[in-house]
């Protein structure tokens, strides 16, 4: 989400800085890039596609994940998820949601922006209650069969919705989900109640977003960022509880003790519980600091972080 255009959000990086981060990530061994059609209204995918072509990295060495469901505006500055009335306008018919037509249109548009012939992981960004689950899962299955998509996943929905979709595919003999991208961090552990357990039981990979809680676990809460400042007074403002503050202080304390960055502690915690967290970087330095490999937490340290 951090790759795209500042016209969409003032904390998003422009193309030049985005390319620097993509280069740095590749250089330290990161080969998986997660984006979505709605991020900067397609600009994120376009930048990634241009970077892939310019870098000439063999396609088979990259894993490109994107998402469908949301509406992509022709105007980069429009945050379509705040403008539900757009969906009914003539130019946006069948351009959002999870109907067969909408999914096919979204995939073709993403492939064009990414300049690719296939997507490694296509994730449905939300659940669509307006479309029969059979229609959605058959469309995803047909895309896998066509070769345009290799694997399918989902993001940000209730466990019963995810299970309904997945079990429908199993009953019909269609392609099932291989991943779930849910919100999960030391500050948000609600998914441990059902979603994480369901995915672990069925062998579905957990690739959570916001493992650093939008940066809250990467710095003392007294330090603000462009994103936190710009979110104040909006639906995206995050207000922290006393328990959150206690956890962040313990992350800071443990980071100082181990001589590492706070974000590395938070990523080490989540990394021990999931397949791979999705991390957004806003600088090359953050990319280098985001490598939590080799950092392990003892059982006592884990309990200490989780206690508040």
C-alpha atoms as a PDB file:
ATOM      1  CA  UNK A   1       0.000   0.000   0.000  1.00  0.00           C
ATOM      2  CA  UNK A   2       2.947   2.330   0.593  1.00  0.00           C
ATOM      3  CA  UNK A   3       3.926   2.142  -3.097  1.00  0.00           C
ATOM      4  CA  UNK A   4       1.973   4.423  -5.402  1.00  0.00           C
ATOM      5  CA  UNK A   5       1.118   8.108  -5.363  1.00  0.00           C
ATOM      6  CA  UNK A   6       0.897  10.818  -2.710  1.00  0.00           C
ATOM      7  CA  UNK A   7      -2.213  12.036  -4.510  1.00  0.00           C
ATOM      8  CA  UNK A   8      -3.988   8.998  -3.020  1.00  0.00           C
ATOM      9  CA  UNK A   9      -2.577   9.449   0.498  1.00  0.00           C
ATOM     10  CA  UNK A  10       0.184  11.744   1.723  1.00  0.00           C
ATOM     11  CA  UNK A  11       2.105   8.903   3.396  1.00  0.00           C
ATOM     12  CA  UNK A  12       2.379   6.879   0.164  1.00  0.00           C
ATOM     13  CA  UNK A  13       5.746   6.871  -1.625  1.00  0.00           C
ATOM     14  CA  UNK A  14       6.154   8.155  -5.170  1.00  0.00           C
ATOM     15  CA  UNK A  15       7.665   6.068  -7.963  1.00  0.00           C
ATOM     16  CA  UNK A  16      11.301   7.075  -7.408  1.00  0.00           C
ATOM     17  CA  UNK A  17      11.296   6.199  -3.707  1.00  0.00           C
ATOM     18  CA  UNK A  18       9.212   3.090  -4.338  1.00  0.00           C
ATOM     19  CA  UNK A  19      11.790   1.767  -6.785  1.00  0.00           C
ATOM     20  CA  UNK A  20      14.571   2.364  -4.249  1.00  0.00           C
ATOM     21  CA  UNK A  21      12.683   0.267  -1.712  1.00  0.00           C
ATOM     22  CA  UNK A  22      11.915  -2.488  -4.229  1.00  0.00           C
ATOM     23  CA  UNK A  23      15.610  -2.632  -5.169  1.00  0.00           C
ATOM     24  CA  UNK A  24      16.682  -2.774  -1.518  1.00  0.00           C
ATOM     25  CA  UNK A  25      14.144  -5.483  -0.717  1.00  0.00           C
ATOM     26  CA  UNK A  26      15.303  -7.623  -3.630  1.00  0.00           C
ATOM     27  CA  UNK A  27      18.955  -7.123  -2.685  1.00  0.00           C
ATOM     28  CA  UNK A  28      18.427  -8.535   0.835  1.00  0.00           C
ATOM     29  CA  UNK A  29      16.517 -11.561  -0.432  1.00  0.00           C
ATOM     30  CA  UNK A  30      12.867 -10.499  -0.463  1.00  0.00           C
ATOM     31  CA  UNK A  31      11.169 -11.941  -3.547  1.00  0.00           C
ATOM     32  CA  UNK A  32       7.485 -11.536  -2.654  1.00  0.00           C
ATOM     33  CA  UNK A  33       5.572  -8.319  -3.339  1.00  0.00           C
ATOM     34  CA  UNK A  34       2.025  -7.792  -2.113  1.00  0.00           C
ATOM     35  CA  UNK A  35      -0.199  -5.110  -3.591  1.00  0.00           C
ATOM     36  CA  UNK A  36      -3.834  -4.554  -4.585  1.00  0.00           C
ATOM     37  CA  UNK A  37      -5.688  -3.078  -7.521  1.00  0.00           C
ATOM     38  CA  UNK A  38      -7.128  -0.295  -5.340  1.00  0.00           C
ATOM     39  CA  UNK A  39      -3.810   0.895  -3.899  1.00  0.00           C
ATOM     40  CA  UNK A  40      -3.340   4.370  -5.362  1.00  0.00           C
ATOM     41  CA  UNK A  41      -6.014   3.345  -7.891  1.00  0.00           C
ATOM     42  CA  UNK A  42      -3.721   1.010  -9.791  1.00  0.00           C
ATOM     43  CA  UNK A  43      -0.584   3.135  -9.571  1.00  0.00           C
ATOM     44  CA  UNK A  44       0.993   0.684  -7.119  1.00  0.00           C
ATOM     45  CA  UNK A  45       0.632  -2.157  -9.628  1.00  0.00           C
ATOM     46  CA  UNK A  46       1.919   0.032 -12.469  1.00  0.00           C
ATOM     47  CA  UNK A  47       5.075   0.968 -10.544  1.00  0.00           C
ATOM     48  CA  UNK A  48       5.742  -2.652  -9.613  1.00  0.00           C
ATOM     49  CA  UNK A  49       5.218  -3.729 -13.219  1.00  0.00           C
ATOM     50  CA  UNK A  50       7.648  -1.114 -14.530  1.00  0.00           C
ATOM     51  CA  UNK A  51      10.193  -2.132 -11.895  1.00  0.00           C
ATOM     52  CA  UNK A  52       9.954  -5.805 -12.870  1.00  0.00           C
ATOM     53  CA  UNK A  53      10.499  -4.986 -16.537  1.00  0.00           C
ATOM     54  CA  UNK A  54      13.401  -2.604 -15.877  1.00  0.00           C
ATOM     55  CA  UNK A  55      15.158  -4.864 -13.373  1.00  0.00           C
ATOM     56  CA  UNK A  56      14.898  -7.836 -15.751  1.00  0.00           C
ATOM     57  CA  UNK A  57      14.511 -10.256 -12.850  1.00  0.00           C
ATOM     58  CA  UNK A  58      13.435 -13.670 -14.176  1.00  0.00           C
ATOM     59  CA  UNK A  59       9.674 -13.941 -13.680  1.00  0.00           C
ATOM     60  CA  UNK A  60       9.887 -17.315 -11.967  1.00  0.00           C
ATOM     61  CA  UNK A  61      12.030 -15.808  -9.206  1.00  0.00           C
ATOM     62  CA  UNK A  62       9.312 -13.374  -8.140  1.00  0.00           C
ATOM     63  CA  UNK A  63       6.052 -13.961  -6.283  1.00  0.00           C
ATOM     64  CA  UNK A  64       3.531 -11.260  -7.090  1.00  0.00           C
ATOM     65  CA  UNK A  65       0.374 -11.077  -4.999  1.00  0.00           C
ATOM     66  CA  UNK A  66      -2.479  -8.687  -5.678  1.00  0.00           C
ATOM     67  CA  UNK A  67      -6.141  -8.348  -4.757  1.00  0.00           C
ATOM     68  CA  UNK A  68      -9.554  -7.825  -6.288  1.00  0.00           C
ATOM     69  CA  UNK A  69     -12.908  -6.587  -4.968  1.00  0.00           C
ATOM     70  CA  UNK A  70     -12.423  -2.853  -4.595  1.00  0.00           C
ATOM     71  CA  UNK A  71     -13.236  -0.195  -7.161  1.00  0.00           C
ATOM     72  CA  UNK A  72     -10.377   1.426  -9.090  1.00  0.00           C
ATOM     73  CA  UNK A  73     -10.970   5.045 -10.094  1.00  0.00           C
ATOM     74  CA  UNK A  74      -9.511   6.746 -13.135  1.00  0.00           C
ATOM     75  CA  UNK A  75      -8.629   9.601 -10.782  1.00  0.00           C
ATOM     76  CA  UNK A  76      -5.682   8.587  -8.574  1.00  0.00           C
ATOM     77  CA  UNK A  77      -6.709  10.972  -5.798  1.00  0.00           C
ATOM     78  CA  UNK A  78     -10.129   9.364  -5.217  1.00  0.00           C
ATOM     79  CA  UNK A  79     -10.301   6.906  -2.308  1.00  0.00           C
ATOM     80  CA  UNK A  80     -13.109   4.817  -3.720  1.00  0.00           C
ATOM     81  CA  UNK A  81     -13.800   2.892  -0.514  1.00  0.00           C
ATOM     82  CA  UNK A  82     -15.059   6.187   0.926  1.00  0.00           C
ATOM     83  CA  UNK A  83     -17.290   6.770  -2.122  1.00  0.00           C
ATOM     84  CA  UNK A  84     -19.770   3.850  -2.309  1.00  0.00           C
ATOM     85  CA  UNK A  85     -22.027   5.783  -4.686  1.00  0.00           C
ATOM     86  CA  UNK A  86     -19.438   5.398  -7.466  1.00  0.00           C
ATOM     87  CA  UNK A  87     -20.246   1.701  -7.889  1.00  0.00           C
ATOM     88  CA  UNK A  88     -23.619   2.477  -9.434  1.00  0.00           C
ATOM     89  CA  UNK A  89     -22.265   4.915 -12.007  1.00  0.00           C
ATOM     90  CA  UNK A  90     -22.151   3.862 -15.653  1.00  0.00           C
ATOM     91  CA  UNK A  91     -18.364   3.816 -15.998  1.00  0.00           C
ATOM     92  CA  UNK A  92     -17.934   1.543 -12.981  1.00  0.00           C
ATOM     93  CA  UNK A  93     -20.464  -1.213 -13.678  1.00  0.00           C
ATOM     94  CA  UNK A  94     -18.918  -4.677 -13.085  1.00  0.00           C
ATOM     95  CA  UNK A  95     -15.721  -3.037 -11.852  1.00  0.00           C
ATOM     96  CA  UNK A  96     -15.990  -3.996  -8.185  1.00  0.00           C
ATOM     97  CA  UNK A  97     -17.196  -6.811  -5.976  1.00  0.00           C
ATOM     98  CA  UNK A  98     -16.813 -10.533  -6.528  1.00  0.00           C
ATOM     99  CA  UNK A  99     -19.144 -11.352  -9.399  1.00  0.00           C
ATOM    100  CA  UNK A 100     -17.646 -13.391 -12.231  1.00  0.00           C
ATOM    101  CA  UNK A 101     -17.566 -10.339 -14.498  1.00  0.00           C
ATOM    102  CA  UNK A 102     -15.992  -8.101 -11.864  1.00  0.00           C
ATOM    103  CA  UNK A 103     -13.284 -10.619 -10.960  1.00  0.00           C
ATOM    104  CA  UNK A 104     -12.365 -11.274 -14.590  1.00  0.00           C
ATOM    105  CA  UNK A 105     -12.262  -7.540 -15.348  1.00  0.00           C
ATOM    106  CA  UNK A 106     -10.111  -6.876 -12.287  1.00  0.00           C
ATOM    107  CA  UNK A 107      -7.596  -9.597 -13.131  1.00  0.00           C
ATOM    108  CA  UNK A 108      -7.218  -8.460 -16.741  1.00  0.00           C
ATOM    109  CA  UNK A 109      -6.683  -4.872 -15.581  1.00  0.00           C
ATOM    110  CA  UNK A 110      -4.130  -5.927 -12.946  1.00  0.00           C
ATOM    111  CA  UNK A 111      -2.201  -8.041 -15.440  1.00  0.00           C
ATOM    112  CA  UNK A 112      -2.054  -5.078 -17.823  1.00  0.00           C
ATOM    113  CA  UNK A 113      -0.788  -2.715 -15.130  1.00  0.00           C
ATOM    114  CA  UNK A 114       1.739  -5.257 -13.839  1.00  0.00           C
ATOM    115  CA  UNK A 115       2.823  -6.133 -17.399  1.00  0.00           C
ATOM    116  CA  UNK A 116       2.603  -9.822 -16.510  1.00  0.00           C
ATOM    117  CA  UNK A 117       0.966 -12.899 -18.007  1.00  0.00           C
ATOM    118  CA  UNK A 118      -0.002 -14.409 -14.668  1.00  0.00           C
ATOM    119  CA  UNK A 119      -0.501 -13.515 -11.000  1.00  0.00           C
ATOM    120  CA  UNK A 120       1.104 -15.805  -8.430  1.00  0.00           C
ATOM    121  CA  UNK A 121      -1.461 -15.132  -5.710  1.00  0.00           C
ATOM    122  CA  UNK A 122      -4.834 -13.493  -6.294  1.00  0.00           C
ATOM    123  CA  UNK A 123      -6.585 -12.532  -3.076  1.00  0.00           C
ATOM    124  CA  UNK A 124     -10.192 -11.454  -2.683  1.00  0.00           C
ATOM    125  CA  UNK A 125      -9.883  -8.273  -0.636  1.00  0.00           C
ATOM    126  CA  UNK A 126     -13.208  -8.600   1.172  1.00  0.00           C
ATOM    127  CA  UNK A 127     -16.283 -10.849   1.315  1.00  0.00           C
ATOM    128  CA  UNK A 128     -19.096  -9.883  -1.064  1.00  0.00           C
ATOM    129  CA  UNK A 129     -22.527 -10.683   0.427  1.00  0.00           C
ATOM    130  CA  UNK A 130     -24.260  -9.608  -2.791  1.00  0.00           C
ATOM    131  CA  UNK A 131     -22.805 -12.459  -4.862  1.00  0.00           C
ATOM    132  CA  UNK A 132     -23.453 -16.211  -4.448  1.00  0.00           C
ATOM    133  CA  UNK A 133     -20.334 -17.877  -3.055  1.00  0.00           C
ATOM    134  CA  UNK A 134     -20.531 -20.474  -5.847  1.00  0.00           C
ATOM    135  CA  UNK A 135     -20.166 -17.753  -8.474  1.00  0.00           C
ATOM    136  CA  UNK A 136     -17.139 -16.248  -6.762  1.00  0.00           C
ATOM    137  CA  UNK A 137     -15.304 -19.522  -6.183  1.00  0.00           C
ATOM    138  CA  UNK A 138     -16.037 -20.862  -9.683  1.00  0.00           C
ATOM    139  CA  UNK A 139     -14.666 -17.661 -11.202  1.00  0.00           C
ATOM    140  CA  UNK A 140     -11.487 -17.953  -9.132  1.00  0.00           C
ATOM    141  CA  UNK A 141     -11.163 -21.636 -10.051  1.00  0.00           C
ATOM    142  CA  UNK A 142     -11.545 -20.857 -13.755  1.00  0.00           C
ATOM    143  CA  UNK A 143      -8.809 -18.225 -13.529  1.00  0.00           C
ATOM    144  CA  UNK A 144      -6.456 -20.802 -12.038  1.00  0.00           C
ATOM    145  CA  UNK A 145      -7.407 -23.273 -14.766  1.00  0.00           C
ATOM    146  CA  UNK A 146      -6.759 -20.605 -17.415  1.00  0.00           C
ATOM    147  CA  UNK A 147      -3.226 -19.969 -16.142  1.00  0.00           C
ATOM    148  CA  UNK A 148      -3.819 -16.288 -15.393  1.00  0.00           C
ATOM    149  CA  UNK A 149      -3.653 -17.036 -11.663  1.00  0.00           C
ATOM    150  CA  UNK A 150      -1.503 -19.632  -9.885  1.00  0.00           C
ATOM    151  CA  UNK A 151      -3.025 -19.604  -6.386  1.00  0.00           C
ATOM    152  CA  UNK A 152      -5.928 -17.905  -4.624  1.00  0.00           C
ATOM    153  CA  UNK A 153      -6.258 -16.387  -1.169  1.00  0.00           C
ATOM    154  CA  UNK A 154      -8.463 -14.035   0.806  1.00  0.00           C
ATOM    155  CA  UNK A 155      -8.126 -11.044   3.093  1.00  0.00           C
ATOM    156  CA  UNK A 156      -9.969  -9.263   5.892  1.00  0.00           C
ATOM    157  CA  UNK A 157     -13.198 -11.142   6.501  1.00  0.00           C
ATOM    158  CA  UNK A 158     -14.941 -13.098   9.223  1.00  0.00           C
ATOM    159  CA  UNK A 159     -13.934 -16.705   9.749  1.00  0.00           C
ATOM    160  CA  UNK A 160     -17.392 -18.044   8.864  1.00  0.00           C
ATOM    161  CA  UNK A 161     -17.284 -16.162   5.555  1.00  0.00           C
ATOM    162  CA  UNK A 162     -13.839 -17.492   4.710  1.00  0.00           C
ATOM    163  CA  UNK A 163     -14.849 -21.020   5.724  1.00  0.00           C
ATOM    164  CA  UNK A 164     -18.061 -20.831   3.663  1.00  0.00           C
ATOM    165  CA  UNK A 165     -16.116 -19.885   0.545  1.00  0.00           C
ATOM    166  CA  UNK A 166     -13.419 -22.488   1.104  1.00  0.00           C
ATOM    167  CA  UNK A 167     -15.798 -25.331   1.964  1.00  0.00           C
ATOM    168  CA  UNK A 168     -17.903 -24.520  -1.104  1.00  0.00           C
ATOM    169  CA  UNK A 169     -14.831 -24.918  -3.289  1.00  0.00           C
ATOM    170  CA  UNK A 170     -13.966 -28.221  -1.625  1.00  0.00           C
ATOM    171  CA  UNK A 171     -17.472 -29.631  -2.137  1.00  0.00           C
ATOM    172  CA  UNK A 172     -17.454 -28.629  -5.804  1.00  0.00           C
ATOM    173  CA  UNK A 173     -13.926 -29.859  -6.470  1.00  0.00           C
ATOM    174  CA  UNK A 174     -12.700 -26.350  -7.244  1.00  0.00           C
ATOM    175  CA  UNK A 175      -9.479 -24.593  -6.252  1.00  0.00           C
ATOM    176  CA  UNK A 176      -9.341 -23.842  -2.532  1.00  0.00           C
ATOM    177  CA  UNK A 177      -7.635 -20.986  -0.746  1.00  0.00           C
ATOM    178  CA  UNK A 178      -3.941 -21.254  -0.043  1.00  0.00           C
ATOM    179  CA  UNK A 179      -3.614 -18.153   2.144  1.00  0.00           C
ATOM    180  CA  UNK A 180      -5.382 -15.689   4.430  1.00  0.00           C
ATOM    181  CA  UNK A 181      -4.152 -12.119   4.811  1.00  0.00           C
ATOM    182  CA  UNK A 182      -5.731 -10.958   8.045  1.00  0.00           C
ATOM    183  CA  UNK A 183      -4.849  -8.239  10.521  1.00  0.00           C
ATOM    184  CA  UNK A 184      -2.634  -9.657  13.244  1.00  0.00           C
ATOM    185  CA  UNK A 185      -0.052  -8.180  15.586  1.00  0.00           C
ATOM    186  CA  UNK A 186       0.855  -7.873  19.244  1.00  0.00           C
ATOM    187  CA  UNK A 187      -1.748  -5.110  19.440  1.00  0.00           C
ATOM    188  CA  UNK A 188      -4.478  -7.012  17.589  1.00  0.00           C
ATOM    189  CA  UNK A 189      -4.848 -10.696  18.429  1.00  0.00           C
ATOM    190  CA  UNK A 190      -8.567 -11.194  17.824  1.00  0.00           C
ATOM    191  CA  UNK A 191      -7.764 -13.563  14.949  1.00  0.00           C
ATOM    192  CA  UNK A 192      -6.387 -16.086  17.426  1.00  0.00           C
ATOM    193  CA  UNK A 193      -9.973 -16.901  18.462  1.00  0.00           C
ATOM    194  CA  UNK A 194     -11.022 -18.507  15.174  1.00  0.00           C
ATOM    195  CA  UNK A 195      -9.292 -17.473  11.946  1.00  0.00           C
ATOM    196  CA  UNK A 196      -5.761 -18.515  12.857  1.00  0.00           C
ATOM    197  CA  UNK A 197      -6.996 -21.820  14.269  1.00  0.00           C
ATOM    198  CA  UNK A 198      -9.088 -22.547  11.167  1.00  0.00           C
ATOM    199  CA  UNK A 199      -6.196 -21.802   8.825  1.00  0.00           C
ATOM    200  CA  UNK A 200      -3.693 -23.818  10.842  1.00  0.00           C
ATOM    201  CA  UNK A 201      -6.040 -26.821  10.921  1.00  0.00           C
ATOM    202  CA  UNK A 202      -6.606 -26.700   7.156  1.00  0.00           C
ATOM    203  CA  UNK A 203      -3.004 -25.949   6.211  1.00  0.00           C
ATOM    204  CA  UNK A 204      -3.779 -22.459   4.927  1.00  0.00           C
ATOM    205  CA  UNK A 205      -0.893 -20.012   5.137  1.00  0.00           C
ATOM    206  CA  UNK A 206      -1.312 -16.939   7.334  1.00  0.00           C
ATOM    207  CA  UNK A 207       0.262 -13.824   5.814  1.00  0.00           C
ATOM    208  CA  UNK A 208      -1.064 -11.050   8.078  1.00  0.00           C
ATOM    209  CA  UNK A 209      -1.092  -7.370   7.288  1.00  0.00           C
ATOM    210  CA  UNK A 210      -0.138  -4.657   9.807  1.00  0.00           C
ATOM    211  CA  UNK A 211       2.212  -6.872  11.875  1.00  0.00           C
ATOM    212  CA  UNK A 212       3.700  -3.619  13.181  1.00  0.00           C
ATOM    213  CA  UNK A 213       0.232  -2.158  13.874  1.00  0.00           C
ATOM    214  CA  UNK A 214       0.681   0.636  11.316  1.00  0.00           C
ATOM    215  CA  UNK A 215       4.077   1.464  12.812  1.00  0.00           C
ATOM    216  CA  UNK A 216       2.944   1.619  16.438  1.00  0.00           C
ATOM    217  CA  UNK A 217       5.201  -1.321  17.320  1.00  0.00           C
ATOM    218  CA  UNK A 218       8.186   0.143  15.499  1.00  0.00           C
ATOM    219  CA  UNK A 219       8.638   3.234  17.650  1.00  0.00           C
ATOM    220  CA  UNK A 220       7.604   4.713  21.017  1.00  0.00           C
ATOM    221  CA  UNK A 221       4.003   5.943  20.822  1.00  0.00           C
ATOM    222  CA  UNK A 222       5.174   9.458  21.674  1.00  0.00           C
ATOM    223  CA  UNK A 223       6.801   9.664  18.237  1.00  0.00           C
ATOM    224  CA  UNK A 224       4.362  10.510  15.450  1.00  0.00           C
ATOM    225  CA  UNK A 225       4.638   9.804  11.720  1.00  0.00           C
ATOM    226  CA  UNK A 226       3.168  11.331   8.581  1.00  0.00           C
ATOM    227  CA  UNK A 227       0.666   8.485   8.439  1.00  0.00           C
ATOM    228  CA  UNK A 228      -0.413   8.774  12.070  1.00  0.00           C
ATOM    229  CA  UNK A 229      -0.716  12.559  11.821  1.00  0.00           C
ATOM    230  CA  UNK A 230      -2.721  12.486   8.584  1.00  0.00           C
ATOM    231  CA  UNK A 231      -5.081   9.853   9.993  1.00  0.00           C
ATOM    232  CA  UNK A 232      -6.200  11.983  12.934  1.00  0.00           C
ATOM    233  CA  UNK A 233      -9.892  12.775  12.777  1.00  0.00           C
ATOM    234  CA  UNK A 234     -10.480  10.269   9.955  1.00  0.00           C
ATOM    235  CA  UNK A 235     -11.960   6.732   9.949  1.00  0.00           C
ATOM    236  CA  UNK A 236      -8.358   5.477   9.858  1.00  0.00           C
ATOM    237  CA  UNK A 237      -7.226   7.065  13.105  1.00  0.00           C
ATOM    238  CA  UNK A 238      -5.926   4.445  15.520  1.00  0.00           C
ATOM    239  CA  UNK A 239      -6.456   5.123  19.211  1.00  0.00           C
ATOM    240  CA  UNK A 240      -4.371   3.078  21.608  1.00  0.00           C
ATOM    241  CA  UNK A 241      -5.543   1.638  24.900  1.00  0.00           C
ATOM    242  CA  UNK A 242      -3.579   1.465  28.132  1.00  0.00           C
ATOM    243  CA  UNK A 243      -2.810  -2.177  27.335  1.00  0.00           C
ATOM    244  CA  UNK A 244      -1.452  -1.142  23.917  1.00  0.00           C
ATOM    245  CA  UNK A 245       0.826   1.407  25.544  1.00  0.00           C
ATOM    246  CA  UNK A 246       2.103  -1.205  27.992  1.00  0.00           C
ATOM    247  CA  UNK A 247       2.860  -3.654  25.185  1.00  0.00           C
ATOM    248  CA  UNK A 248       4.704  -1.041  23.129  1.00  0.00           C
ATOM    249  CA  UNK A 249       6.818  -0.139  26.163  1.00  0.00           C
ATOM    250  CA  UNK A 250       7.692  -3.803  26.663  1.00  0.00           C
ATOM    251  CA  UNK A 251       8.659  -4.138  22.997  1.00  0.00           C
ATOM    252  CA  UNK A 252      10.902  -1.087  23.400  1.00  0.00           C
ATOM    253  CA  UNK A 253      12.407  -2.532  26.576  1.00  0.00           C
ATOM    254  CA  UNK A 254      13.125  -5.912  24.985  1.00  0.00           C
ATOM    255  CA  UNK A 255      14.594  -4.304  21.864  1.00  0.00           C
ATOM    256  CA  UNK A 256      17.034  -2.304  23.984  1.00  0.00           C
ATOM    257  CA  UNK A 257      17.960  -5.436  25.918  1.00  0.00           C
ATOM    258  CA  UNK A 258      18.721  -7.384  22.731  1.00  0.00           C
ATOM    259  CA  UNK A 259      20.299  -4.471  20.892  1.00  0.00           C
ATOM    260  CA  UNK A 260      17.840  -4.572  17.982  1.00  0.00           C
ATOM    261  CA  UNK A 261      15.038  -2.391  16.616  1.00  0.00           C
ATOM    262  CA  UNK A 262      11.535  -2.430  18.071  1.00  0.00           C
ATOM    263  CA  UNK A 263      10.087  -3.525  14.745  1.00  0.00           C
ATOM    264  CA  UNK A 264      12.373  -6.542  14.689  1.00  0.00           C
ATOM    265  CA  UNK A 265      11.018  -7.685  18.052  1.00  0.00           C
ATOM    266  CA  UNK A 266       7.419  -7.274  16.869  1.00  0.00           C
ATOM    267  CA  UNK A 267       8.162  -9.155  13.646  1.00  0.00           C
ATOM    268  CA  UNK A 268       9.978 -11.917  15.514  1.00  0.00           C
ATOM    269  CA  UNK A 269       6.872 -12.384  17.665  1.00  0.00           C
ATOM    270  CA  UNK A 270       4.446 -12.580  14.750  1.00  0.00           C
ATOM    271  CA  UNK A 271       6.877 -14.548  12.588  1.00  0.00           C
ATOM    272  CA  UNK A 272       6.888 -17.396  15.091  1.00  0.00           C
ATOM    273  CA  UNK A 273       3.109 -17.736  14.737  1.00  0.00           C
ATOM    274  CA  UNK A 274       2.403 -17.328  11.005  1.00  0.00           C
ATOM    275  CA  UNK A 275       3.812 -18.225   7.588  1.00  0.00           C
ATOM    276  CA  UNK A 276       5.015 -14.744   6.677  1.00  0.00           C
ATOM    277  CA  UNK A 277       3.914 -11.227   7.699  1.00  0.00           C
ATOM    278  CA  UNK A 278       3.234  -8.500   5.132  1.00  0.00           C
ATOM    279  CA  UNK A 279       5.346  -5.461   6.014  1.00  0.00           C
ATOM    280  CA  UNK A 280       5.098  -2.015   4.449  1.00  0.00           C
ATOM    281  CA  UNK A 281       8.317   0.011   4.298  1.00  0.00           C
ATOM    282  CA  UNK A 282       8.690   3.770   3.869  1.00  0.00           C
ATOM    283  CA  UNK A 283      12.473   3.930   3.492  1.00  0.00           C
ATOM    284  CA  UNK A 284      15.455   1.805   2.529  1.00  0.00           C
ATOM    285  CA  UNK A 285      16.613   1.979   6.142  1.00  0.00           C
ATOM    286  CA  UNK A 286      13.309   0.451   7.269  1.00  0.00           C
ATOM    287  CA  UNK A 287      13.791  -2.356   4.761  1.00  0.00           C
ATOM    288  CA  UNK A 288      17.158  -3.191   6.273  1.00  0.00           C
ATOM    289  CA  UNK A 289      15.780  -2.933   9.813  1.00  0.00           C
ATOM    290  CA  UNK A 290      12.790  -5.095   8.939  1.00  0.00           C
ATOM    291  CA  UNK A 291      14.842  -8.247   8.659  1.00  0.00           C
ATOM    292  CA  UNK A 292      13.984 -10.180  11.827  1.00  0.00           C
ATOM    293  CA  UNK A 293      15.643 -13.423  10.766  1.00  0.00           C
ATOM    294  CA  UNK A 294      17.917 -14.789  13.456  1.00  0.00           C
ATOM    295  CA  UNK A 295      15.994 -13.030  16.226  1.00  0.00           C
ATOM    296  CA  UNK A 296      14.192 -15.471  18.471  1.00  0.00           C
ATOM    297  CA  UNK A 297      12.102 -14.873  21.548  1.00  0.00           C
ATOM    298  CA  UNK A 298      12.134 -17.207  24.508  1.00  0.00           C
ATOM    299  CA  UNK A 299       8.899 -18.527  25.975  1.00  0.00           C
ATOM    300  CA  UNK A 300       9.295 -16.122  28.881  1.00  0.00           C
ATOM    301  CA  UNK A 301       9.876 -13.145  26.568  1.00  0.00           C
ATOM    302  CA  UNK A 302       6.835 -14.066  24.478  1.00  0.00           C
ATOM    303  CA  UNK A 303       4.636 -14.289  27.572  1.00  0.00           C
ATOM    304  CA  UNK A 304       6.021 -10.966  28.802  1.00  0.00           C
ATOM    305  CA  UNK A 305       5.019  -9.251  25.554  1.00  0.00           C
ATOM    306  CA  UNK A 306       1.565 -10.820  25.516  1.00  0.00           C
ATOM    307  CA  UNK A 307       0.747 -10.310  29.189  1.00  0.00           C
ATOM    308  CA  UNK A 308      -0.787  -6.782  29.119  1.00  0.00           C
END
